[in-house]
């Protein structure tokens, strides 16, 4: 995010995400914050917009819960 970049904020955000049988992230919550609210919010927004390969039980897709870590680094 532009504001976070201007303030020099960076870090890792770990999310707990719920992935449906269709690969859509139905819910995301911050499990471990990086300490910057704007980066935490950007991580949740990115996860909700992403598409995932659903877990499978046998040959059938199933809903699942996973942890996802996003890293925000300044270059």
C-alpha atoms as a PDB file:
ATOM      1  CA  UNK A   1       0.000   0.000   0.000  1.00  0.00           C
ATOM      2  CA  UNK A   2       1.168   3.500  -0.850  1.00  0.00           C
ATOM      3  CA  UNK A   3       0.812   4.884   2.680  1.00  0.00           C
ATOM      4  CA  UNK A   4       2.731   1.977   4.203  1.00  0.00           C
ATOM      5  CA  UNK A   5       5.473   2.408   1.597  1.00  0.00           C
ATOM      6  CA  UNK A   6       5.784   6.114   2.384  1.00  0.00           C
ATOM      7  CA  UNK A   7       6.107   5.322   6.088  1.00  0.00           C
ATOM      8  CA  UNK A   8       8.741   2.655   5.392  1.00  0.00           C
ATOM      9  CA  UNK A   9       6.611  -0.153   6.821  1.00  0.00           C
ATOM     10  CA  UNK A  10       7.422  -3.751   5.996  1.00  0.00           C
ATOM     11  CA  UNK A  11       6.989  -7.180   7.547  1.00  0.00           C
ATOM     12  CA  UNK A  12       5.289 -10.566   7.385  1.00  0.00           C
ATOM     13  CA  UNK A  13       1.580 -11.143   7.927  1.00  0.00           C
ATOM     14  CA  UNK A  14       0.348 -14.663   8.647  1.00  0.00           C
ATOM     15  CA  UNK A  15      -3.283 -15.335   7.814  1.00  0.00           C
ATOM     16  CA  UNK A  16      -5.637 -18.177   8.551  1.00  0.00           C
ATOM     17  CA  UNK A  17      -7.745 -18.695   5.453  1.00  0.00           C
ATOM     18  CA  UNK A  18     -10.776 -20.811   4.643  1.00  0.00           C
ATOM     19  CA  UNK A  19     -10.713 -22.274   1.143  1.00  0.00           C
ATOM     20  CA  UNK A  20     -13.893 -23.641  -0.398  1.00  0.00           C
ATOM     21  CA  UNK A  21     -14.289 -26.575  -2.756  1.00  0.00           C
ATOM     22  CA  UNK A  22     -14.218 -24.080  -5.635  1.00  0.00           C
ATOM     23  CA  UNK A  23     -10.828 -22.661  -4.569  1.00  0.00           C
ATOM     24  CA  UNK A  24     -12.329 -19.362  -3.432  1.00  0.00           C
ATOM     25  CA  UNK A  25     -11.134 -17.906  -0.140  1.00  0.00           C
ATOM     26  CA  UNK A  26     -14.314 -17.478   1.859  1.00  0.00           C
ATOM     27  CA  UNK A  27     -12.730 -15.938   4.942  1.00  0.00           C
ATOM     28  CA  UNK A  28      -9.359 -14.651   6.056  1.00  0.00           C
ATOM     29  CA  UNK A  29      -8.197 -13.439   9.442  1.00  0.00           C
ATOM     30  CA  UNK A  30      -4.856 -12.216  10.716  1.00  0.00           C
ATOM     31  CA  UNK A  31      -3.228 -14.951  12.814  1.00  0.00           C
ATOM     32  CA  UNK A  32       0.086 -13.114  13.305  1.00  0.00           C
ATOM     33  CA  UNK A  33       0.257  -9.368  12.639  1.00  0.00           C
ATOM     34  CA  UNK A  34       3.300  -7.598  11.266  1.00  0.00           C
ATOM     35  CA  UNK A  35       2.474  -4.690  13.559  1.00  0.00           C
ATOM     36  CA  UNK A  36       1.123  -2.386  10.841  1.00  0.00           C
ATOM     37  CA  UNK A  37      -2.658  -2.258  10.378  1.00  0.00           C
ATOM     38  CA  UNK A  38      -2.479  -1.166   6.738  1.00  0.00           C
ATOM     39  CA  UNK A  39      -0.286  -4.135   5.789  1.00  0.00           C
ATOM     40  CA  UNK A  40      -2.509  -6.531   7.747  1.00  0.00           C
ATOM     41  CA  UNK A  41      -5.564  -5.221   5.870  1.00  0.00           C
ATOM     42  CA  UNK A  42      -3.782  -5.456   2.503  1.00  0.00           C
ATOM     43  CA  UNK A  43      -2.878  -9.091   3.216  1.00  0.00           C
ATOM     44  CA  UNK A  44      -6.506  -9.978   4.029  1.00  0.00           C
ATOM     45  CA  UNK A  45      -7.699  -8.183   0.878  1.00  0.00           C
ATOM     46  CA  UNK A  46      -5.159 -10.041  -1.280  1.00  0.00           C
ATOM     47  CA  UNK A  47      -6.123 -13.433   0.160  1.00  0.00           C
ATOM     48  CA  UNK A  48      -9.836 -12.804  -0.411  1.00  0.00           C
ATOM     49  CA  UNK A  49      -9.132 -11.884  -4.052  1.00  0.00           C
ATOM     50  CA  UNK A  50      -6.876 -14.886  -4.714  1.00  0.00           C
ATOM     51  CA  UNK A  51      -7.909 -18.277  -6.067  1.00  0.00           C
ATOM     52  CA  UNK A  52      -6.429 -21.477  -4.644  1.00  0.00           C
ATOM     53  CA  UNK A  53      -6.269 -25.131  -5.582  1.00  0.00           C
ATOM     54  CA  UNK A  54      -8.693 -26.791  -3.170  1.00  0.00           C
ATOM     55  CA  UNK A  55      -7.645 -29.678  -0.948  1.00  0.00           C
ATOM     56  CA  UNK A  56      -8.799 -33.106  -2.053  1.00  0.00           C
ATOM     57  CA  UNK A  57     -10.136 -36.145  -0.292  1.00  0.00           C
ATOM     58  CA  UNK A  58      -9.683 -38.946  -2.750  1.00  0.00           C
ATOM     59  CA  UNK A  59     -10.556 -37.370  -6.075  1.00  0.00           C
ATOM     60  CA  UNK A  60     -13.064 -34.864  -4.694  1.00  0.00           C
ATOM     61  CA  UNK A  61     -12.290 -31.276  -3.681  1.00  0.00           C
ATOM     62  CA  UNK A  62     -13.047 -30.417  -0.051  1.00  0.00           C
ATOM     63  CA  UNK A  63     -13.123 -27.242   2.028  1.00  0.00           C
ATOM     64  CA  UNK A  64     -10.053 -26.603   4.136  1.00  0.00           C
ATOM     65  CA  UNK A  65      -8.341 -24.163   6.458  1.00  0.00           C
ATOM     66  CA  UNK A  66      -4.728 -23.141   5.843  1.00  0.00           C
ATOM     67  CA  UNK A  67      -2.120 -20.659   7.018  1.00  0.00           C
ATOM     68  CA  UNK A  68      -0.629 -18.262   4.515  1.00  0.00           C
ATOM     69  CA  UNK A  69       2.240 -15.845   5.127  1.00  0.00           C
ATOM     70  CA  UNK A  70       2.609 -12.748   2.964  1.00  0.00           C
ATOM     71  CA  UNK A  71       5.822 -10.731   3.052  1.00  0.00           C
ATOM     72  CA  UNK A  72       5.850  -7.005   2.442  1.00  0.00           C
ATOM     73  CA  UNK A  73       9.364  -5.790   1.584  1.00  0.00           C
ATOM     74  CA  UNK A  74      10.578  -2.404   0.367  1.00  0.00           C
ATOM     75  CA  UNK A  75      13.032  -2.337  -2.521  1.00  0.00           C
END
